[in-house]
């Protein structure tokens, strides 16, 4: 039993290192997602302010609103990952 206790701190450190590595990778993915969403936001903004028919304007607005929501969710995830990375 004593031998197993000696391994626990090492296993915990390895587990924590793996979590930190995973969080770092998730932050990279979230950053890349932010870049992709920014392009969608810009394009949808330009579309919604162009000369479009009513139905097309509604679709452009839906894209703009949905991409704004996705960007907000992504910011929340990045905030959480920052706090996890500091632990």
Protein backbone atom coordinates (compact mmCIF):
# COMPACT_ATOMS: atom_id res chain seq x y z
CA UNK A 1 0.00 0.00 0.00
CA UNK A 2 2.81 2.40 0.84
CA UNK A 3 4.24 1.90 -2.66
CA UNK A 4 0.98 2.98 -4.24
CA UNK A 5 0.84 6.13 -2.16
CA UNK A 6 4.29 7.07 -3.43
CA UNK A 7 3.00 6.94 -7.00
CA UNK A 8 -0.05 9.09 -6.44
CA UNK A 9 1.70 12.48 -6.39
CA UNK A 10 3.59 11.59 -9.58
CA UNK A 11 0.39 10.41 -11.24
CA UNK A 12 -1.37 13.60 -10.16
CA UNK A 13 1.45 15.72 -11.61
CA UNK A 14 1.31 13.80 -14.87
CA UNK A 15 -2.47 14.15 -14.95
CA UNK A 16 -2.22 17.88 -14.28
CA UNK A 17 0.41 18.27 -17.00
CA UNK A 18 -1.89 16.47 -19.46
CA UNK A 19 -4.80 18.73 -18.52
CA UNK A 20 -2.60 21.82 -19.00
CA UNK A 21 -1.48 20.49 -22.39
CA UNK A 22 -5.09 19.86 -23.41
CA UNK A 23 -6.15 23.33 -22.25
CA UNK A 24 -3.31 24.89 -24.26
CA UNK A 25 -4.44 23.02 -27.37
CA UNK A 26 -8.06 24.03 -26.81
CA UNK A 27 -6.95 27.65 -26.56
CA UNK A 28 -5.23 27.36 -29.95
CA UNK A 29 -8.41 25.88 -31.44
CA UNK A 30 -10.54 28.61 -29.86
CA UNK A 31 -8.22 31.26 -31.31
CA UNK A 32 -8.54 29.72 -34.77
CA UNK A 33 -12.31 29.57 -34.34
CA UNK A 34 -12.30 33.26 -33.41
CA UNK A 35 -10.53 34.08 -36.66
CA UNK A 36 -13.02 32.08 -38.71
CA UNK A 37 -15.98 33.66 -36.91
CA UNK A 38 -14.57 37.15 -37.45
CA UNK A 39 -14.55 36.57 -41.22
CA UNK A 40 -18.17 35.39 -41.09
CA UNK A 41 -19.16 38.38 -38.94
CA UNK A 42 -17.55 40.84 -41.34
CA UNK A 43 -19.08 39.22 -44.42
CA UNK A 44 -22.54 39.03 -42.86
CA UNK A 45 -22.32 42.68 -41.79
CA UNK A 46 -21.47 43.71 -45.34
CA UNK A 47 -24.25 41.52 -46.74
CA UNK A 48 -26.85 42.91 -44.37
CA UNK A 49 -25.97 46.48 -45.35
CA UNK A 50 -26.01 45.80 -49.07
CA UNK A 51 -28.90 46.01 -51.49
CA UNK A 52 -30.73 42.77 -50.81
CA UNK A 53 -34.30 41.67 -51.22
CA UNK A 54 -36.32 41.22 -48.03
CA UNK A 55 -35.89 37.43 -47.86
CA UNK A 56 -32.15 37.64 -48.50
CA UNK A 57 -31.82 40.37 -45.88
CA UNK A 58 -33.48 38.07 -43.34
CA UNK A 59 -31.01 35.29 -44.13
CA UNK A 60 -28.09 37.72 -43.84
CA UNK A 61 -29.42 38.89 -40.47
CA UNK A 62 -29.76 35.28 -39.29
CA UNK A 63 -26.14 34.58 -40.26
CA UNK A 64 -24.98 37.76 -38.51
CA UNK A 65 -26.94 37.00 -35.32
CA UNK A 66 -25.83 33.36 -35.20
CA UNK A 67 -22.18 34.23 -35.76
CA UNK A 68 -22.38 36.88 -33.02
CA UNK A 69 -23.80 34.22 -30.68
CA UNK A 70 -21.03 31.78 -31.66
CA UNK A 71 -18.38 34.46 -31.05
CA UNK A 72 -19.85 35.18 -27.60
CA UNK A 73 -19.84 31.47 -26.73
CA UNK A 74 -16.25 31.20 -27.95
CA UNK A 75 -15.22 34.15 -25.73
CA UNK A 76 -16.80 32.44 -22.73
CA UNK A 77 -14.95 29.21 -23.52
CA UNK A 78 -11.65 31.08 -23.87
CA UNK A 79 -12.27 32.81 -20.55
CA UNK A 80 -12.85 29.44 -18.88
CA UNK A 81 -9.75 27.95 -20.51
CA UNK A 82 -7.64 30.90 -19.30
CA UNK A 83 -8.78 30.25 -15.74
CA UNK A 84 -8.08 26.51 -16.11
CA UNK A 85 -4.64 27.27 -17.51
CA UNK A 86 -3.78 29.37 -14.46
CA UNK A 87 -4.43 26.52 -12.02
